[in-house]
N, C-alpha and C. Protein backbone atom coordinates (compact mmCIF):
# COMPACT_ATOMS: atom_id res chain seq x y z
N MET A 1 4.20 11.03 -5.52
CA MET A 1 3.34 10.65 -6.61
C MET A 1 2.25 11.71 -6.77
N LYS A 2 1.72 11.80 -7.96
CA LYS A 2 0.73 12.81 -8.27
C LYS A 2 -0.45 12.74 -7.29
N GLY A 3 -0.77 13.85 -6.68
CA GLY A 3 -1.90 13.92 -5.77
C GLY A 3 -1.60 13.48 -4.36
N GLU A 4 -0.43 12.92 -4.12
CA GLU A 4 -0.13 12.36 -2.80
C GLU A 4 -0.10 13.43 -1.72
N GLN A 5 0.23 14.66 -2.08
CA GLN A 5 0.33 15.71 -1.08
C GLN A 5 -0.98 16.48 -0.90
N ILE A 6 -2.03 16.11 -1.59
CA ILE A 6 -3.32 16.78 -1.41
C ILE A 6 -4.04 16.10 -0.26
N VAL A 7 -4.13 16.81 0.87
CA VAL A 7 -4.70 16.22 2.07
C VAL A 7 -5.80 17.11 2.67
N ASP A 8 -6.39 17.97 1.84
CA ASP A 8 -7.43 18.85 2.36
C ASP A 8 -8.81 18.38 1.89
N ASP A 9 -9.79 19.24 1.99
CA ASP A 9 -11.17 18.87 1.68
C ASP A 9 -11.45 18.63 0.20
N ARG A 10 -10.47 18.84 -0.68
CA ARG A 10 -10.68 18.56 -2.10
C ARG A 10 -10.75 17.07 -2.40
N VAL A 11 -10.22 16.26 -1.50
CA VAL A 11 -10.18 14.82 -1.74
C VAL A 11 -10.83 14.06 -0.60
N TRP A 12 -11.42 12.93 -0.94
CA TRP A 12 -12.04 12.07 0.04
C TRP A 12 -11.07 10.99 0.50
N ILE A 13 -10.22 10.55 -0.42
CA ILE A 13 -9.23 9.52 -0.13
C ILE A 13 -7.85 10.04 -0.50
N SER A 14 -6.91 9.94 0.42
CA SER A 14 -5.53 10.36 0.17
C SER A 14 -4.64 9.13 0.21
N LYS A 15 -3.70 9.07 -0.72
CA LYS A 15 -2.72 7.98 -0.75
C LYS A 15 -1.45 8.47 -0.08
N SER A 16 -0.86 7.61 0.72
CA SER A 16 0.39 7.98 1.36
C SER A 16 1.30 6.77 1.47
N HIS A 17 2.50 7.00 1.94
CA HIS A 17 3.42 5.93 2.29
C HIS A 17 3.56 5.89 3.81
N HIS A 18 2.45 6.11 4.49
CA HIS A 18 2.44 6.11 5.95
C HIS A 18 3.16 4.87 6.48
N PRO A 19 3.97 4.98 7.48
CA PRO A 19 4.17 6.11 8.37
C PRO A 19 5.29 7.06 7.94
N LEU A 20 5.84 6.90 6.76
CA LEU A 20 6.92 7.75 6.29
C LEU A 20 6.41 9.18 6.09
N LYS A 21 7.08 10.13 6.68
CA LYS A 21 6.76 11.54 6.48
C LYS A 21 8.00 12.23 5.97
N LEU A 22 8.00 12.58 4.70
CA LEU A 22 9.14 13.26 4.10
C LEU A 22 9.13 14.74 4.47
N PHE A 23 10.30 15.34 4.51
CA PHE A 23 10.44 16.75 4.84
C PHE A 23 9.58 17.59 3.89
N GLY A 24 8.81 18.50 4.46
CA GLY A 24 8.00 19.40 3.65
C GLY A 24 6.63 18.86 3.27
N MET A 25 6.38 17.59 3.56
CA MET A 25 5.07 17.02 3.22
C MET A 25 4.04 17.50 4.24
N PRO A 26 2.81 17.74 3.79
CA PRO A 26 1.79 18.18 4.74
C PRO A 26 1.39 17.05 5.69
N ILE A 27 0.83 17.43 6.83
CA ILE A 27 0.35 16.47 7.81
C ILE A 27 -0.97 15.88 7.32
N LEU A 28 -1.10 14.58 7.38
CA LEU A 28 -2.31 13.89 6.98
C LEU A 28 -3.12 13.55 8.22
N LYS A 29 -4.34 14.03 8.28
CA LYS A 29 -5.25 13.65 9.35
C LYS A 29 -6.31 12.75 8.73
N ALA A 30 -6.55 11.62 9.35
CA ALA A 30 -7.44 10.63 8.76
C ALA A 30 -8.56 10.25 9.71
N ASN A 31 -9.70 9.88 9.13
CA ASN A 31 -10.81 9.33 9.90
C ASN A 31 -10.78 7.80 9.87
N LYS A 32 -10.27 7.27 8.78
CA LYS A 32 -10.14 5.81 8.60
C LYS A 32 -8.89 5.57 7.78
N THR A 33 -8.34 4.37 7.93
CA THR A 33 -7.13 4.04 7.19
C THR A 33 -7.28 2.66 6.56
N VAL A 34 -7.02 2.61 5.26
CA VAL A 34 -6.94 1.34 4.55
C VAL A 34 -5.45 1.05 4.35
N VAL A 35 -5.01 -0.10 4.83
CA VAL A 35 -3.60 -0.47 4.72
C VAL A 35 -3.49 -1.61 3.71
N LEU A 36 -2.77 -1.37 2.62
CA LEU A 36 -2.55 -2.38 1.61
C LEU A 36 -1.24 -3.08 1.92
N VAL A 37 -1.30 -4.39 2.14
CA VAL A 37 -0.11 -5.17 2.46
C VAL A 37 0.11 -6.22 1.37
N ARG A 38 1.34 -6.67 1.26
CA ARG A 38 1.69 -7.68 0.26
C ARG A 38 2.59 -8.71 0.91
N ASN A 39 2.61 -9.89 0.35
CA ASN A 39 3.48 -10.95 0.86
C ASN A 39 4.90 -10.39 0.97
N PRO A 40 5.50 -10.43 2.16
CA PRO A 40 6.83 -9.86 2.34
C PRO A 40 7.89 -10.42 1.39
N LEU A 41 7.78 -11.69 1.03
CA LEU A 41 8.76 -12.26 0.11
C LEU A 41 8.66 -11.60 -1.27
N ASP A 42 7.44 -11.31 -1.70
CA ASP A 42 7.25 -10.60 -2.97
C ASP A 42 7.74 -9.16 -2.88
N VAL A 43 7.47 -8.52 -1.74
CA VAL A 43 7.88 -7.13 -1.55
C VAL A 43 9.40 -7.01 -1.61
N ILE A 44 10.09 -7.89 -0.92
CA ILE A 44 11.55 -7.80 -0.88
C ILE A 44 12.13 -7.94 -2.28
N TYR A 45 11.69 -8.94 -3.03
CA TYR A 45 12.24 -9.13 -4.37
C TYR A 45 11.84 -7.98 -5.30
N SER A 46 10.58 -7.56 -5.22
CA SER A 46 10.12 -6.46 -6.06
C SER A 46 10.90 -5.18 -5.77
N PHE A 47 11.14 -4.92 -4.49
CA PHE A 47 11.84 -3.70 -4.11
C PHE A 47 13.31 -3.73 -4.50
N VAL A 48 13.96 -4.89 -4.39
CA VAL A 48 15.36 -4.95 -4.80
C VAL A 48 15.47 -4.73 -6.32
N CYS A 49 14.50 -5.24 -7.07
CA CYS A 49 14.49 -4.99 -8.51
C CYS A 49 14.28 -3.51 -8.80
N PHE A 50 13.30 -2.92 -8.10
CA PHE A 50 13.00 -1.51 -8.32
C PHE A 50 14.19 -0.62 -7.96
N THR A 51 14.83 -0.87 -6.81
CA THR A 51 15.94 -0.03 -6.40
C THR A 51 17.16 -0.21 -7.31
N SER A 52 17.26 -1.36 -7.94
CA SER A 52 18.39 -1.61 -8.84
C SER A 52 18.14 -1.06 -10.24
N LEU A 53 16.90 -1.13 -10.70
CA LEU A 53 16.58 -0.74 -12.08
C LEU A 53 15.76 0.54 -12.18
N VAL A 54 15.26 1.03 -11.05
CA VAL A 54 14.36 2.19 -11.00
C VAL A 54 13.23 2.00 -12.01
N ASN A 55 12.63 0.82 -11.95
CA ASN A 55 11.57 0.47 -12.88
C ASN A 55 10.70 -0.60 -12.21
N HIS A 56 9.37 -0.40 -12.26
CA HIS A 56 8.46 -1.35 -11.62
C HIS A 56 8.20 -2.60 -12.45
N SER A 57 8.46 -2.56 -13.73
CA SER A 57 8.00 -3.66 -14.59
C SER A 57 9.12 -4.54 -15.15
N GLN A 58 10.36 -4.29 -14.80
CA GLN A 58 11.46 -5.11 -15.32
C GLN A 58 12.16 -5.88 -14.21
N LYS A 59 12.78 -6.94 -14.61
CA LYS A 59 13.63 -7.71 -13.70
C LYS A 59 15.05 -7.70 -14.28
N PRO A 60 16.06 -7.78 -13.43
CA PRO A 60 17.44 -7.78 -13.95
C PRO A 60 17.75 -9.11 -14.64
N ASP A 61 18.77 -9.09 -15.46
CA ASP A 61 19.18 -10.31 -16.16
C ASP A 61 20.22 -11.09 -15.35
N PHE A 62 20.26 -10.87 -14.07
CA PHE A 62 21.15 -11.61 -13.18
C PHE A 62 20.36 -12.01 -11.94
N SER A 63 20.96 -12.85 -11.12
CA SER A 63 20.32 -13.32 -9.89
C SER A 63 21.00 -12.67 -8.70
N PHE A 64 20.21 -11.91 -7.92
CA PHE A 64 20.78 -11.28 -6.72
C PHE A 64 21.36 -12.34 -5.78
N GLU A 65 20.60 -13.37 -5.53
CA GLU A 65 21.02 -14.35 -4.53
C GLU A 65 22.23 -15.17 -4.97
N HIS A 66 22.38 -15.41 -6.28
CA HIS A 66 23.52 -16.20 -6.75
C HIS A 66 24.71 -15.33 -7.16
N ASP A 67 24.43 -14.23 -7.86
CA ASP A 67 25.52 -13.39 -8.37
C ASP A 67 26.04 -12.38 -7.34
N TYR A 68 25.19 -11.97 -6.42
CA TYR A 68 25.56 -10.98 -5.41
C TYR A 68 25.04 -11.42 -4.03
N PRO A 69 25.50 -12.56 -3.52
CA PRO A 69 24.93 -13.11 -2.29
C PRO A 69 25.11 -12.21 -1.06
N GLU A 70 26.22 -11.51 -0.96
CA GLU A 70 26.42 -10.64 0.21
C GLU A 70 25.43 -9.48 0.18
N TYR A 71 25.26 -8.90 -0.99
CA TYR A 71 24.28 -7.81 -1.13
C TYR A 71 22.87 -8.32 -0.85
N TRP A 72 22.53 -9.48 -1.41
CA TRP A 72 21.20 -10.05 -1.22
C TRP A 72 20.94 -10.30 0.26
N ASP A 73 21.91 -10.86 0.96
CA ASP A 73 21.75 -11.13 2.40
C ASP A 73 21.54 -9.81 3.16
N TRP A 74 22.35 -8.79 2.84
CA TRP A 74 22.19 -7.49 3.48
C TRP A 74 20.81 -6.91 3.18
N PHE A 75 20.37 -6.98 1.93
CA PHE A 75 19.09 -6.39 1.53
C PHE A 75 17.93 -7.08 2.24
N VAL A 76 17.93 -8.41 2.26
CA VAL A 76 16.85 -9.16 2.91
C VAL A 76 16.83 -8.85 4.42
N THR A 77 17.98 -8.83 5.05
CA THR A 77 18.06 -8.53 6.48
C THR A 77 17.55 -7.12 6.77
N THR A 78 17.98 -6.16 5.97
CA THR A 78 17.56 -4.78 6.16
C THR A 78 16.06 -4.62 5.94
N MET A 79 15.55 -5.21 4.87
CA MET A 79 14.12 -5.10 4.57
C MET A 79 13.28 -5.77 5.65
N THR A 80 13.72 -6.90 6.14
CA THR A 80 12.98 -7.60 7.20
C THR A 80 12.91 -6.74 8.45
N ARG A 81 14.03 -6.13 8.82
CA ARG A 81 14.06 -5.24 9.98
C ARG A 81 13.12 -4.05 9.75
N ASP A 82 13.17 -3.45 8.58
CA ASP A 82 12.34 -2.28 8.28
C ASP A 82 10.86 -2.64 8.24
N MET A 83 10.52 -3.81 7.69
CA MET A 83 9.11 -4.23 7.66
C MET A 83 8.58 -4.46 9.07
N LYS A 84 9.40 -5.05 9.90
CA LYS A 84 9.00 -5.28 11.29
C LYS A 84 8.71 -3.94 11.97
N ALA A 85 9.57 -2.96 11.76
CA ALA A 85 9.37 -1.63 12.34
C ALA A 85 8.12 -0.98 11.75
N TYR A 86 7.92 -1.12 10.45
CA TYR A 86 6.75 -0.54 9.78
C TYR A 86 5.46 -1.06 10.41
N PHE A 87 5.34 -2.36 10.57
CA PHE A 87 4.11 -2.91 11.13
C PHE A 87 3.97 -2.58 12.62
N ARG A 88 5.08 -2.45 13.32
CA ARG A 88 4.99 -2.02 14.72
C ARG A 88 4.41 -0.61 14.78
N VAL A 89 4.84 0.26 13.89
CA VAL A 89 4.31 1.63 13.83
C VAL A 89 2.83 1.60 13.47
N ILE A 90 2.47 0.86 12.44
CA ILE A 90 1.07 0.79 12.02
C ILE A 90 0.19 0.30 13.16
N MET A 91 0.59 -0.76 13.81
CA MET A 91 -0.25 -1.36 14.85
C MET A 91 -0.30 -0.52 16.13
N ASN A 92 0.70 0.31 16.37
CA ASN A 92 0.74 1.10 17.60
C ASN A 92 0.61 2.60 17.33
N ASP A 93 0.19 2.96 16.13
CA ASP A 93 0.19 4.35 15.70
C ASP A 93 -0.46 5.30 16.70
N SER A 94 -1.64 4.99 17.12
CA SER A 94 -2.38 5.95 17.94
C SER A 94 -1.83 6.06 19.35
N ASP A 95 -0.96 5.15 19.76
CA ASP A 95 -0.44 5.16 21.12
C ASP A 95 0.94 5.79 21.24
N SER A 96 1.54 6.18 20.14
CA SER A 96 2.94 6.60 20.18
C SER A 96 3.09 8.10 19.97
N LYS A 97 3.52 8.82 21.01
CA LYS A 97 3.78 10.26 20.87
C LYS A 97 4.95 10.50 19.92
N PHE A 98 5.93 9.62 19.94
CA PHE A 98 7.08 9.75 19.03
C PHE A 98 6.61 9.69 17.57
N ILE A 99 5.77 8.69 17.29
CA ILE A 99 5.28 8.54 15.92
C ILE A 99 4.43 9.74 15.54
N LYS A 100 3.57 10.20 16.43
CA LYS A 100 2.73 11.35 16.12
C LYS A 100 3.57 12.60 15.85
N HIS A 101 4.69 12.71 16.52
CA HIS A 101 5.54 13.89 16.33
C HIS A 101 6.34 13.83 15.02
N PHE A 102 6.92 12.68 14.73
CA PHE A 102 7.82 12.59 13.59
C PHE A 102 7.19 12.07 12.31
N PHE A 103 6.05 11.43 12.42
CA PHE A 103 5.39 10.90 11.23
C PHE A 103 4.03 11.56 11.08
N TYR A 104 3.10 10.93 10.42
CA TYR A 104 1.79 11.52 10.25
C TYR A 104 1.06 11.59 11.57
N LEU A 105 0.43 12.71 11.82
CA LEU A 105 -0.32 12.91 13.05
C LEU A 105 -1.71 12.31 12.88
N LEU A 106 -1.95 11.21 13.54
CA LEU A 106 -3.25 10.55 13.46
C LEU A 106 -3.83 10.40 14.85
N ASP A 107 -5.11 10.67 14.96
CA ASP A 107 -5.81 10.29 16.17
C ASP A 107 -6.12 8.81 16.03
N THR A 108 -6.74 8.23 17.03
CA THR A 108 -7.10 6.82 16.93
C THR A 108 -8.09 6.66 15.79
N VAL A 109 -7.73 5.88 14.81
CA VAL A 109 -8.60 5.65 13.65
C VAL A 109 -8.71 4.16 13.40
N PRO A 110 -9.85 3.72 12.88
CA PRO A 110 -9.97 2.30 12.54
C PRO A 110 -9.15 1.98 11.29
N PHE A 111 -8.60 0.77 11.27
CA PHE A 111 -7.81 0.29 10.13
C PHE A 111 -8.55 -0.84 9.43
N HIS A 112 -8.38 -0.91 8.12
CA HIS A 112 -8.89 -2.03 7.32
C HIS A 112 -7.71 -2.53 6.50
N PHE A 113 -7.29 -3.77 6.75
CA PHE A 113 -6.14 -4.32 6.03
C PHE A 113 -6.61 -5.06 4.78
N VAL A 114 -5.91 -4.83 3.69
CA VAL A 114 -6.21 -5.47 2.41
C VAL A 114 -4.93 -6.12 1.90
N ARG A 115 -5.03 -7.39 1.54
CA ARG A 115 -3.87 -8.07 0.95
C ARG A 115 -3.83 -7.78 -0.55
N TYR A 116 -2.66 -7.38 -1.03
CA TYR A 116 -2.47 -7.12 -2.46
C TYR A 116 -2.88 -8.34 -3.28
N GLU A 117 -2.54 -9.52 -2.78
CA GLU A 117 -2.86 -10.75 -3.51
C GLU A 117 -4.36 -10.91 -3.69
N ASP A 118 -5.17 -10.50 -2.70
CA ASP A 118 -6.62 -10.55 -2.82
C ASP A 118 -7.12 -9.51 -3.82
N LEU A 119 -6.47 -8.36 -3.85
CA LEU A 119 -6.84 -7.32 -4.80
C LEU A 119 -6.63 -7.79 -6.23
N ILE A 120 -5.59 -8.58 -6.46
CA ILE A 120 -5.31 -9.12 -7.78
C ILE A 120 -6.23 -10.29 -8.11
N SER A 121 -6.41 -11.22 -7.17
CA SER A 121 -7.16 -12.45 -7.47
C SER A 121 -8.67 -12.28 -7.35
N ASN A 122 -9.13 -11.36 -6.53
CA ASN A 122 -10.57 -11.18 -6.33
C ASN A 122 -10.88 -9.70 -6.11
N PRO A 123 -10.68 -8.88 -7.14
CA PRO A 123 -10.79 -7.43 -6.95
C PRO A 123 -12.18 -6.94 -6.57
N ALA A 124 -13.23 -7.49 -7.17
CA ALA A 124 -14.58 -6.99 -6.87
C ALA A 124 -14.91 -7.14 -5.39
N GLU A 125 -14.66 -8.32 -4.85
CA GLU A 125 -14.94 -8.57 -3.43
C GLU A 125 -14.06 -7.71 -2.54
N THR A 126 -12.81 -7.50 -2.93
CA THR A 126 -11.89 -6.70 -2.14
C THR A 126 -12.32 -5.24 -2.14
N TYR A 127 -12.67 -4.70 -3.31
CA TYR A 127 -13.17 -3.32 -3.38
C TYR A 127 -14.45 -3.17 -2.56
N GLU A 128 -15.31 -4.16 -2.63
CA GLU A 128 -16.56 -4.12 -1.87
C GLU A 128 -16.25 -4.02 -0.37
N GLY A 129 -15.31 -4.82 0.10
CA GLY A 129 -14.93 -4.76 1.52
C GLY A 129 -14.37 -3.41 1.91
N ILE A 130 -13.53 -2.84 1.05
CA ILE A 130 -12.95 -1.53 1.33
C ILE A 130 -14.05 -0.48 1.47
N PHE A 131 -14.98 -0.46 0.52
CA PHE A 131 -16.00 0.59 0.55
C PHE A 131 -17.07 0.36 1.62
N LYS A 132 -17.33 -0.87 1.98
CA LYS A 132 -18.21 -1.12 3.12
C LYS A 132 -17.58 -0.53 4.39
N PHE A 133 -16.27 -0.73 4.53
CA PHE A 133 -15.54 -0.17 5.66
C PHE A 133 -15.58 1.36 5.63
N LEU A 134 -15.25 1.94 4.48
CA LEU A 134 -15.19 3.41 4.38
C LEU A 134 -16.55 4.06 4.60
N LEU A 135 -17.60 3.42 4.12
CA LEU A 135 -18.94 4.01 4.18
C LEU A 135 -19.76 3.54 5.39
N ASP A 136 -19.19 2.68 6.20
CA ASP A 136 -19.91 2.12 7.36
C ASP A 136 -21.21 1.44 6.93
N LEU A 137 -21.14 0.62 5.90
CA LEU A 137 -22.32 -0.08 5.40
C LEU A 137 -22.12 -1.59 5.50
N ASP A 138 -23.22 -2.30 5.74
CA ASP A 138 -23.17 -3.76 5.72
C ASP A 138 -23.30 -4.31 4.31
N SER A 139 -23.87 -3.51 3.41
CA SER A 139 -24.06 -3.92 2.02
C SER A 139 -23.96 -2.70 1.12
N LEU A 140 -23.43 -2.91 -0.07
CA LEU A 140 -23.37 -1.83 -1.06
C LEU A 140 -24.53 -1.90 -2.05
N GLU A 141 -25.42 -2.84 -1.85
CA GLU A 141 -26.52 -3.07 -2.78
C GLU A 141 -27.32 -1.79 -3.01
N GLY A 142 -27.45 -1.42 -4.29
CA GLY A 142 -28.23 -0.26 -4.68
C GLY A 142 -27.49 1.07 -4.57
N THR A 143 -26.21 1.04 -4.21
CA THR A 143 -25.45 2.29 -4.07
C THR A 143 -24.72 2.63 -5.36
N ASN A 144 -24.34 3.89 -5.49
CA ASN A 144 -23.54 4.32 -6.64
C ASN A 144 -22.20 3.59 -6.67
N ILE A 145 -21.62 3.35 -5.51
CA ILE A 145 -20.31 2.69 -5.48
C ILE A 145 -20.41 1.26 -5.98
N GLU A 146 -21.53 0.58 -5.74
CA GLU A 146 -21.72 -0.77 -6.29
C GLU A 146 -21.69 -0.70 -7.81
N THR A 147 -22.39 0.29 -8.37
CA THR A 147 -22.41 0.47 -9.83
C THR A 147 -21.02 0.77 -10.35
N MET A 148 -20.29 1.62 -9.65
CA MET A 148 -18.94 1.98 -10.10
C MET A 148 -17.99 0.79 -10.04
N ILE A 149 -18.09 -0.02 -9.01
CA ILE A 149 -17.24 -1.22 -8.92
C ILE A 149 -17.54 -2.14 -10.09
N LYS A 150 -18.80 -2.34 -10.41
CA LYS A 150 -19.18 -3.19 -11.54
C LYS A 150 -18.64 -2.63 -12.85
N GLN A 151 -18.67 -1.32 -13.02
CA GLN A 151 -18.14 -0.69 -14.24
C GLN A 151 -16.64 -0.90 -14.35
N VAL A 152 -15.94 -0.75 -13.25
CA VAL A 152 -14.48 -0.95 -13.26
C VAL A 152 -14.16 -2.42 -13.56
N MET A 153 -14.90 -3.34 -12.96
CA MET A 153 -14.66 -4.77 -13.18
C MET A 153 -14.93 -5.15 -14.63
N ALA A 154 -15.90 -4.49 -15.27
CA ALA A 154 -16.22 -4.78 -16.68
C ALA A 154 -15.08 -4.37 -17.62
N LYS A 155 -14.23 -3.43 -17.19
CA LYS A 155 -13.10 -2.99 -18.01
C LYS A 155 -11.98 -4.02 -18.06
N GLY A 156 -11.98 -4.94 -17.10
CA GLY A 156 -10.89 -5.92 -17.03
C GLY A 156 -9.71 -5.35 -16.28
N SER A 157 -8.58 -6.01 -16.39
CA SER A 157 -7.38 -5.61 -15.66
C SER A 157 -6.86 -4.28 -16.17
N VAL A 158 -6.68 -3.35 -15.24
CA VAL A 158 -6.16 -2.03 -15.56
C VAL A 158 -5.04 -1.72 -14.58
N SER A 159 -3.92 -1.23 -15.08
CA SER A 159 -2.81 -0.86 -14.21
C SER A 159 -2.20 0.43 -14.71
N THR A 160 -1.59 1.19 -13.78
CA THR A 160 -0.95 2.44 -14.18
C THR A 160 0.41 2.21 -14.83
N TYR A 161 0.95 1.02 -14.70
CA TYR A 161 2.20 0.67 -15.36
C TYR A 161 2.13 -0.80 -15.76
N LYS A 162 3.02 -1.17 -16.67
CA LYS A 162 3.02 -2.54 -17.17
C LYS A 162 3.41 -3.50 -16.04
N LEU A 163 2.55 -4.50 -15.80
CA LEU A 163 2.83 -5.49 -14.77
C LEU A 163 3.86 -6.51 -15.25
N LYS A 164 4.63 -7.04 -14.31
CA LYS A 164 5.55 -8.13 -14.64
C LYS A 164 4.74 -9.36 -15.03
N GLN A 165 5.30 -10.22 -15.83
CA GLN A 165 4.63 -11.45 -16.22
C GLN A 165 4.31 -12.33 -15.03
N THR A 166 5.07 -12.18 -13.95
CA THR A 166 4.87 -13.03 -12.78
C THR A 166 3.81 -12.49 -11.84
N THR A 167 3.30 -11.27 -12.09
CA THR A 167 2.28 -10.70 -11.20
C THR A 167 1.00 -11.51 -11.31
N GLY A 168 0.42 -11.80 -10.14
CA GLY A 168 -0.84 -12.54 -10.13
C GLY A 168 -0.62 -14.02 -10.07
């Protein structure tokens, strides 16, 4: 994705698909990590739609579970196994020499977990929590980031792509 490979001093925040490290991607060194998580049941269905349609905002006109039950069972089983491994990596990142060698090289860094559902249902409070974590502050009162969060919230819902009707 645009900007994903910029990991030097030009940026303060880098987006990644950690712990995935694709061939040729630069090594990301972080001081703090914000991990965005989503309900696994939503992730599995969203991802099967995306991999089938290569589109984030559409759903197929068929039912995976009814029309293709063997594929659906394989997909759910595979995704569940992969999610389990993903969270094992995230939770043990700083302790694993294997992970440091083959994935992003991180020293021990603090993590802040954010639920996607909270970002949708209560974005102002969620953004506030993220920036308090990033800035090591107990309150954002009187800061530029407080003003910026209020400005973004005043714009209403903004997305880089059309959301599904079922989002939120």
